Amino acid sequence: MGHWDIFLSPYKQAVDELKIKLKGMRSQFGNTGMTSPIEFVTGRVKPLASIYDKAREKGILFEPSQKLATELQDIAGLRIMCQFVDDIATVANLIRQRNDLRVIEEKDYITHNKPSGYRSYHIIVEYPVETIQGKVDVLAEIQIRTLAMNFWASIEHSLNYKYKGVFPEEIKNRLQNAAEAAFKLDEEMSSIRSEIQEAQVYFTENKEASNPTIRTTTEDKERE
């Protein structure tokens, strides 16, 4: 495991640093009184079992190597959740404008969803990590999606493991129908976006105004 620990260490550092920076973007919107397009951020380093499966699928030797680091672009993975579909383009543009990473590739699975029904926006970035051995450029995949898209993707991911990628026709059709229903929900919510956001602001302001403890806790949380 030692050699894998060394190989994956920069990926773990990249995920930790990018999570802080992406969450910082969300806080900056709140601090300026603007509605954040980012709902929340998660991140992970791909488990060794998943790296093994992906390497085998691509015909790459399962060992720490530059080839593995180049071919597997999602060993480091970040996920940004948004409330509305339009927010995805906003977040993608914010990432493109950053000077601390370099966008390598973008994949639009929202405009061009996968046959399964999967929708998400993927950005592959190159992120420099400073280690005791010097700078290491790490590839990371940032997925941007709505909460509805994420719910569908999580269910599909679980079923994919159960059926090993070969879904019974009935399950396949149900998943496709569910994906369309989820996207329809996103479209409906986007059509009343202004009303939803006004209600959220009204709720937050009145809740905090009526309870000083909540206001103090919220302010402390935003500073984290």
C-alpha atoms as a PDB file:
ATOM      1  CA  MET A   1       0.000   0.000   0.000  1.00  0.00           C
ATOM      2  CA  GLY A   2       2.960   2.329   0.584  1.00  0.00           C
ATOM      3  CA  HIS A   3       3.548   3.158  -3.083  1.00  0.00           C
ATOM      4  CA  TRP A   4      -0.164   3.807  -3.608  1.00  0.00           C
ATOM      5  CA  ASP A   5      -0.256   6.106  -0.563  1.00  0.00           C
ATOM      6  CA  ILE A   6       2.551   8.169  -2.083  1.00  0.00           C
ATOM      7  CA  PHE A   7       0.891   8.190  -5.518  1.00  0.00           C
ATOM      8  CA  LEU A   8      -2.529   9.230  -4.191  1.00  0.00           C
ATOM      9  CA  SER A   9      -1.280  11.794  -1.665  1.00  0.00           C
ATOM     10  CA  PRO A  10      -1.252  14.744  -4.134  1.00  0.00           C
ATOM     11  CA  TYR A  11      -4.780  13.800  -5.226  1.00  0.00           C
ATOM     12  CA  LYS A  12      -6.014  13.927  -1.634  1.00  0.00           C
ATOM     13  CA  GLN A  13      -4.334  17.292  -1.168  1.00  0.00           C
ATOM     14  CA  ALA A  14      -5.879  18.588  -4.406  1.00  0.00           C
ATOM     15  CA  VAL A  15      -9.371  17.510  -3.323  1.00  0.00           C
ATOM     16  CA  ASP A  16      -8.974  19.117   0.114  1.00  0.00           C
ATOM     17  CA  GLU A  17      -7.688  22.393  -1.331  1.00  0.00           C
ATOM     18  CA  LEU A  18     -10.257  22.599  -4.118  1.00  0.00           C
ATOM     19  CA  LYS A  19     -13.115  21.880  -1.703  1.00  0.00           C
ATOM     20  CA  ILE A  20     -12.009  24.818   0.439  1.00  0.00           C
ATOM     21  CA  LYS A  21     -11.711  27.105  -2.582  1.00  0.00           C
ATOM     22  CA  LEU A  22     -15.039  26.112  -4.129  1.00  0.00           C
ATOM     23  CA  LYS A  23     -16.820  26.455  -0.787  1.00  0.00           C
ATOM     24  CA  GLY A  24     -15.107  29.830  -0.480  1.00  0.00           C
ATOM     25  CA  MET A  25     -16.787  30.928  -3.708  1.00  0.00           C
ATOM     26  CA  ARG A  26     -20.152  30.084  -2.163  1.00  0.00           C
ATOM     27  CA  SER A  27     -19.352  32.105   0.968  1.00  0.00           C
ATOM     28  CA  GLN A  28     -18.224  35.095  -1.080  1.00  0.00           C
ATOM     29  CA  PHE A  29     -21.630  35.309  -2.742  1.00  0.00           C
ATOM     30  CA  GLY A  30     -23.316  35.250   0.658  1.00  0.00           C
ATOM     31  CA  ASN A  31     -20.972  37.885   2.091  1.00  0.00           C
ATOM     32  CA  THR A  32     -21.856  40.285  -0.726  1.00  0.00           C
ATOM     33  CA  GLY A  33     -25.590  39.723  -0.329  1.00  0.00           C
ATOM     34  CA  MET A  34     -25.865  37.807  -3.600  1.00  0.00           C
ATOM     35  CA  THR A  35     -27.594  34.468  -4.093  1.00  0.00           C
ATOM     36  CA  SER A  36     -24.961  31.785  -4.570  1.00  0.00           C
ATOM     37  CA  PRO A  37     -25.244  29.505  -7.619  1.00  0.00           C
ATOM     38  CA  ILE A  38     -23.500  26.858  -5.495  1.00  0.00           C
ATOM     39  CA  GLU A  39     -25.675  24.883  -3.094  1.00  0.00           C
ATOM     40  CA  PHE A  40     -22.916  22.666  -1.677  1.00  0.00           C
ATOM     41  CA  VAL A  41     -19.626  20.982  -2.606  1.00  0.00           C
ATOM     42  CA  THR A  42     -18.357  17.433  -2.064  1.00  0.00           C
ATOM     43  CA  GLY A  43     -15.128  15.704  -3.039  1.00  0.00           C
ATOM     44  CA  ARG A  44     -13.385  12.346  -2.973  1.00  0.00           C
ATOM     45  CA  VAL A  45     -10.361  10.424  -4.182  1.00  0.00           C
ATOM     46  CA  LYS A  46     -11.357   7.399  -6.250  1.00  0.00           C
ATOM     47  CA  PRO A  47     -10.993   4.168  -4.195  1.00  0.00           C
ATOM     48  CA  LEU A  48      -8.327   1.692  -5.300  1.00  0.00           C
ATOM     49  CA  ALA A  49     -10.980  -0.843  -6.331  1.00  0.00           C
ATOM     50  CA  SER A  50     -12.507   1.717  -8.699  1.00  0.00           C
ATOM     51  CA  ILE A  51      -9.074   2.693 -10.031  1.00  0.00           C
ATOM     52  CA  TYR A  52      -8.413  -0.994 -10.710  1.00  0.00           C
ATOM     53  CA  ASP A  53     -11.709  -1.381 -12.604  1.00  0.00           C
ATOM     54  CA  LYS A  54     -11.100   1.765 -14.664  1.00  0.00           C
ATOM     55  CA  ALA A  55      -7.490   0.802 -15.457  1.00  0.00           C
ATOM     56  CA  ARG A  56      -8.597  -2.658 -16.538  1.00  0.00           C
ATOM     57  CA  GLU A  57     -11.329  -1.140 -18.714  1.00  0.00           C
ATOM     58  CA  LYS A  58      -8.764   1.105 -20.436  1.00  0.00           C
ATOM     59  CA  GLY A  59      -6.150  -1.632 -20.730  1.00  0.00           C
ATOM     60  CA  ILE A  60      -3.693   0.142 -18.424  1.00  0.00           C
ATOM     61  CA  LEU A  61      -1.388  -1.666 -16.012  1.00  0.00           C
ATOM     62  CA  PHE A  62      -2.688  -1.307 -12.453  1.00  0.00           C
ATOM     63  CA  GLU A  63       0.301   0.369 -10.847  1.00  0.00           C
ATOM     64  CA  PRO A  64       1.237   3.935  -9.857  1.00  0.00           C
ATOM     65  CA  SER A  65       2.527   5.504 -13.077  1.00  0.00           C
ATOM     66  CA  GLN A  66       2.425   8.657 -15.171  1.00  0.00           C
ATOM     67  CA  LYS A  67       0.328   6.824 -17.753  1.00  0.00           C
ATOM     68  CA  LEU A  68      -2.280   5.981 -15.131  1.00  0.00           C
ATOM     69  CA  ALA A  69      -2.265   9.592 -13.894  1.00  0.00           C
ATOM     70  CA  THR A  70      -2.750  10.874 -17.449  1.00  0.00           C
ATOM     71  CA  GLU A  71      -5.383   8.394 -18.614  1.00  0.00           C
ATOM     72  CA  LEU A  72      -7.537   8.386 -15.453  1.00  0.00           C
ATOM     73  CA  GLN A  73      -8.678  11.985 -15.233  1.00  0.00           C
ATOM     74  CA  ASP A  74     -11.119  11.481 -12.373  1.00  0.00           C
ATOM     75  CA  ILE A  75      -8.940  10.007  -9.620  1.00  0.00           C
ATOM     76  CA  ALA A  76      -9.550  13.320  -7.857  1.00  0.00           C
ATOM     77  CA  GLY A  77     -13.226  14.230  -8.055  1.00  0.00           C
ATOM     78  CA  LEU A  78     -15.229  17.256  -6.958  1.00  0.00           C
ATOM     79  CA  ARG A  79     -18.980  17.685  -7.222  1.00  0.00           C
ATOM     80  CA  ILE A  80     -20.790  21.009  -7.140  1.00  0.00           C
ATOM     81  CA  MET A  81     -24.533  20.970  -6.562  1.00  0.00           C
ATOM     82  CA  CYS A  82     -26.765  23.782  -7.824  1.00  0.00           C
ATOM     83  CA  GLN A  83     -30.425  24.574  -7.269  1.00  0.00           C
ATOM     84  CA  PHE A  84     -31.157  25.569 -10.853  1.00  0.00           C
ATOM     85  CA  VAL A  85     -29.970  24.432 -14.295  1.00  0.00           C
ATOM     86  CA  ASP A  86     -28.932  27.988 -15.232  1.00  0.00           C
ATOM     87  CA  ASP A  87     -26.575  28.048 -12.237  1.00  0.00           C
ATOM     88  CA  ILE A  88     -24.474  25.313 -13.824  1.00  0.00           C
ATOM     89  CA  ALA A  89     -23.297  27.604 -16.638  1.00  0.00           C
ATOM     90  CA  THR A  90     -22.553  30.342 -14.092  1.00  0.00           C
ATOM     91  CA  VAL A  91     -20.406  28.019 -11.980  1.00  0.00           C
ATOM     92  CA  ALA A  92     -18.620  26.613 -15.037  1.00  0.00           C
ATOM     93  CA  ASN A  93     -17.725  30.151 -16.110  1.00  0.00           C
ATOM     94  CA  LEU A  94     -16.404  30.979 -12.628  1.00  0.00           C
ATOM     95  CA  ILE A  95     -14.124  27.941 -12.811  1.00  0.00           C
ATOM     96  CA  ARG A  96     -12.858  28.938 -16.273  1.00  0.00           C
ATOM     97  CA  GLN A  97     -11.893  32.368 -14.920  1.00  0.00           C
ATOM     98  CA  ARG A  98      -9.744  31.054 -12.074  1.00  0.00           C
ATOM     99  CA  ASN A  99      -5.983  31.544 -12.228  1.00  0.00           C
ATOM    100  CA  ASP A 100      -5.075  28.730  -9.818  1.00  0.00           C
ATOM    101  CA  LEU A 101      -6.055  25.914 -12.185  1.00  0.00           C
ATOM    102  CA  ARG A 102      -6.161  25.187 -15.905  1.00  0.00           C
ATOM    103  CA  VAL A 103      -9.205  23.818 -17.717  1.00  0.00           C
ATOM    104  CA  ILE A 104      -8.203  20.840 -19.863  1.00  0.00           C
ATOM    105  CA  GLU A 105     -11.536  19.571 -21.159  1.00  0.00           C
ATOM    106  CA  GLU A 106     -15.285  20.120 -20.793  1.00  0.00           C
ATOM    107  CA  LYS A 107     -18.063  17.593 -21.338  1.00  0.00           C
ATOM    108  CA  ASP A 108     -21.659  18.806 -21.582  1.00  0.00           C
ATOM    109  CA  TYR A 109     -23.934  15.928 -20.642  1.00  0.00           C
ATOM    110  CA  ILE A 110     -26.823  18.325 -20.041  1.00  0.00           C
ATOM    111  CA  THR A 111     -27.305  19.560 -23.598  1.00  0.00           C
ATOM    112  CA  HIS A 112     -26.191  16.141 -24.849  1.00  0.00           C
ATOM    113  CA  ASN A 113     -27.312  13.720 -22.161  1.00  0.00           C
ATOM    114  CA  LYS A 114     -26.133  10.111 -22.220  1.00  0.00           C
ATOM    115  CA  PRO A 115     -28.507   7.436 -23.614  1.00  0.00           C
ATOM    116  CA  SER A 116     -29.089   6.234 -20.042  1.00  0.00           C
ATOM    117  CA  GLY A 117     -30.529   9.642 -19.165  1.00  0.00           C
ATOM    118  CA  TYR A 118     -27.468  10.831 -17.222  1.00  0.00           C
ATOM    119  CA  ARG A 119     -27.084  14.609 -17.061  1.00  0.00           C
ATOM    120  CA  SER A 120     -24.194  16.594 -15.616  1.00  0.00           C
ATOM    121  CA  TYR A 121     -21.508  19.072 -16.690  1.00  0.00           C
ATOM    122  CA  HIS A 122     -17.937  17.801 -16.358  1.00  0.00           C
ATOM    123  CA  ILE A 123     -14.802  19.933 -16.306  1.00  0.00           C
ATOM    124  CA  ILE A 124     -11.349  18.343 -16.269  1.00  0.00           C
ATOM    125  CA  VAL A 125      -8.808  20.671 -14.674  1.00  0.00           C
ATOM    126  CA  GLU A 126      -5.094  20.582 -14.030  1.00  0.00           C
ATOM    127  CA  TYR A 127      -4.358  21.771 -10.507  1.00  0.00           C
ATOM    128  CA  PRO A 128      -0.842  22.382  -9.111  1.00  0.00           C
ATOM    129  CA  VAL A 129      -0.140  20.857  -5.705  1.00  0.00           C
ATOM    130  CA  GLU A 130       2.914  21.835  -3.675  1.00  0.00           C
ATOM    131  CA  THR A 131       4.555  18.828  -2.008  1.00  0.00           C
ATOM    132  CA  ILE A 132       7.856  18.299  -0.188  1.00  0.00           C
ATOM    133  CA  GLN A 133       9.180  16.883  -3.468  1.00  0.00           C
ATOM    134  CA  GLY A 134       8.082  19.985  -5.372  1.00  0.00           C
ATOM    135  CA  LYS A 135       5.100  20.891  -7.541  1.00  0.00           C
ATOM    136  CA  VAL A 136       2.845  18.134  -8.849  1.00  0.00           C
ATOM    137  CA  ASP A 137       0.219  18.892 -11.505  1.00  0.00           C
ATOM    138  CA  VAL A 138      -2.869  16.849 -10.654  1.00  0.00           C
ATOM    139  CA  LEU A 139      -5.803  16.162 -12.954  1.00  0.00           C
ATOM    140  CA  ALA A 140      -9.199  16.485 -11.290  1.00  0.00           C
ATOM    141  CA  GLU A 141     -12.750  16.148 -12.540  1.00  0.00           C
ATOM    142  CA  ILE A 142     -15.318  18.700 -11.390  1.00  0.00           C
ATOM    143  CA  GLN A 143     -18.932  17.643 -11.911  1.00  0.00           C
ATOM    144  CA  ILE A 144     -21.597  20.343 -11.803  1.00  0.00           C
ATOM    145  CA  ARG A 145     -25.233  19.306 -11.573  1.00  0.00           C
ATOM    146  CA  THR A 146     -28.571  20.107  -9.982  1.00  0.00           C
ATOM    147  CA  LEU A 147     -29.899  18.353  -6.904  1.00  0.00           C
ATOM    148  CA  ALA A 148     -32.398  16.437  -9.066  1.00  0.00           C
ATOM    149  CA  MET A 149     -29.646  15.314 -11.458  1.00  0.00           C
ATOM    150  CA  ASN A 150     -27.538  14.205  -8.513  1.00  0.00           C
ATOM    151  CA  PHE A 151     -30.376  12.179  -6.997  1.00  0.00           C
ATOM    152  CA  TRP A 152     -30.909  10.344 -10.285  1.00  0.00           C
ATOM    153  CA  ALA A 153     -27.167   9.762 -10.800  1.00  0.00           C
ATOM    154  CA  SER A 154     -26.765   8.343  -7.284  1.00  0.00           C
ATOM    155  CA  ILE A 155     -29.569   5.831  -7.848  1.00  0.00           C
ATOM    156  CA  GLU A 156     -28.242   4.874 -11.290  1.00  0.00           C
ATOM    157  CA  HIS A 157     -24.750   4.409  -9.859  1.00  0.00           C
ATOM    158  CA  SER A 158     -26.026   1.989  -7.208  1.00  0.00           C
ATOM    159  CA  LEU A 159     -28.060   0.006  -9.732  1.00  0.00           C
ATOM    160  CA  ASN A 160     -25.084  -0.086 -12.084  1.00  0.00           C
ATOM    161  CA  TYR A 161     -23.092  -1.990  -9.468  1.00  0.00           C
ATOM    162  CA  LYS A 162     -25.962  -4.387  -8.852  1.00  0.00           C
ATOM    163  CA  TYR A 163     -26.436  -5.215 -12.540  1.00  0.00           C
ATOM    164  CA  LYS A 164     -22.749  -4.785 -13.505  1.00  0.00           C
ATOM    165  CA  GLY A 165     -23.661  -2.237 -16.176  1.00  0.00           C
ATOM    166  CA  VAL A 166     -26.217  -4.461 -17.931  1.00  0.00           C
ATOM    167  CA  PHE A 167     -29.682  -3.296 -16.892  1.00  0.00           C
ATOM    168  CA  PRO A 168     -32.851  -5.324 -17.464  1.00  0.00           C
ATOM    169  CA  GLU A 169     -34.929  -3.593 -20.146  1.00  0.00           C
ATOM    170  CA  GLU A 170     -37.663  -2.607 -17.680  1.00  0.00           C
ATOM    171  CA  ILE A 171     -35.173  -1.006 -15.267  1.00  0.00           C
ATOM    172  CA  LYS A 172     -33.431   0.741 -18.167  1.00  0.00           C
ATOM    173  CA  ASN A 173     -36.729   2.242 -19.375  1.00  0.00           C
ATOM    174  CA  ARG A 174     -37.738   3.295 -15.875  1.00  0.00           C
ATOM    175  CA  LEU A 175     -34.392   5.021 -15.352  1.00  0.00           C
ATOM    176  CA  GLN A 176     -34.724   6.894 -18.641  1.00  0.00           C
ATOM    177  CA  ASN A 177     -38.249   7.984 -17.730  1.00  0.00           C
ATOM    178  CA  ALA A 178     -37.082   9.050 -14.271  1.00  0.00           C
ATOM    179  CA  ALA A 179     -34.249  11.082 -15.831  1.00  0.00           C
ATOM    180  CA  GLU A 180     -36.721  12.941 -18.036  1.00  0.00           C
ATOM    181  CA  ALA A 181     -39.011  13.535 -15.058  1.00  0.00           C
ATOM    182  CA  ALA A 182     -36.081  14.904 -13.032  1.00  0.00           C
ATOM    183  CA  PHE A 183     -35.111  17.272 -15.853  1.00  0.00           C
ATOM    184  CA  LYS A 184     -38.735  18.377 -16.201  1.00  0.00           C
ATOM    185  CA  LEU A 185     -38.698  19.169 -12.472  1.00  0.00           C
ATOM    186  CA  ASP A 186     -35.542  21.253 -12.976  1.00  0.00           C
ATOM    187  CA  GLU A 187     -37.210  23.167 -15.817  1.00  0.00           C
ATOM    188  CA  GLU A 188     -40.337  23.831 -13.746  1.00  0.00           C
ATOM    189  CA  MET A 189     -38.284  25.082 -10.800  1.00  0.00           C
ATOM    190  CA  SER A 190     -36.272  27.334 -13.125  1.00  0.00           C
ATOM    191  CA  SER A 191     -39.494  28.888 -14.417  1.00  0.00           C
ATOM    192  CA  ILE A 192     -40.342  30.137 -10.905  1.00  0.00           C
ATOM    193  CA  ARG A 193     -36.753  30.812  -9.860  1.00  0.00           C
ATOM    194  CA  SER A 194     -37.292  34.424  -8.784  1.00  0.00           C
ATOM    195  CA  GLU A 195     -40.237  33.498  -6.563  1.00  0.00           C
ATOM    196  CA  ILE A 196     -38.269  30.651  -4.951  1.00  0.00           C
ATOM    197  CA  GLN A 197     -35.239  32.835  -4.234  1.00  0.00           C
ATOM    198  CA  GLU A 198     -37.371  35.664  -2.827  1.00  0.00           C
ATOM    199  CA  ALA A 199     -39.073  33.177  -0.513  1.00  0.00           C
ATOM    200  CA  GLN A 200     -35.708  31.778   0.615  1.00  0.00           C
ATOM    201  CA  VAL A 201     -34.351  35.252   1.399  1.00  0.00           C
ATOM    202  CA  TYR A 202     -37.552  36.186   3.237  1.00  0.00           C
ATOM    203  CA  PHE A 203     -37.457  32.979   5.286  1.00  0.00           C
ATOM    204  CA  THR A 204     -33.775  33.360   6.219  1.00  0.00           C
ATOM    205  CA  GLU A 205     -34.032  37.038   7.163  1.00  0.00           C
ATOM    206  CA  ASN A 206     -37.132  36.568   9.304  1.00  0.00           C
ATOM    207  CA  LYS A 207     -35.781  33.440  10.983  1.00  0.00           C
ATOM    208  CA  GLU A 208     -32.528  35.146  11.934  1.00  0.00           C
ATOM    209  CA  ALA A 209     -34.204  38.400  12.976  1.00  0.00           C
ATOM    210  CA  SER A 210     -36.479  36.565  15.399  1.00  0.00           C
ATOM    211  CA  ASN A 211     -33.654  34.530  16.973  1.00  0.00           C
ATOM    212  CA  PRO A 212     -30.280  36.179  17.786  1.00  0.00           C
ATOM    213  CA  THR A 213     -28.729  32.770  18.509  1.00  0.00           C
ATOM    214  CA  ILE A 214     -29.500  31.554  14.976  1.00  0.00           C
ATOM    215  CA  ARG A 215     -28.130  34.793  13.527  1.00  0.00           C
ATOM    216  CA  THR A 216     -24.855  34.436  15.434  1.00  0.00           C
ATOM    217  CA  THR A 217     -24.513  30.764  14.494  1.00  0.00           C
ATOM    218  CA  THR A 218     -25.167  31.540  10.820  1.00  0.00           C
ATOM    219  CA  GLU A 219     -22.564  34.287  10.799  1.00  0.00           C
ATOM    220  CA  ASP A 220     -20.019  31.985  12.450  1.00  0.00           C
ATOM    221  CA  LYS A 221     -20.760  29.249   9.914  1.00  0.00           C
ATOM    222  CA  GLU A 222     -20.258  31.604   6.982  1.00  0.00           C
ATOM    223  CA  ARG A 223     -16.850  32.538   8.375  1.00  0.00           C
ATOM    224  CA  GLU A 224     -15.694  28.893   8.460  1.00  0.00           C
END
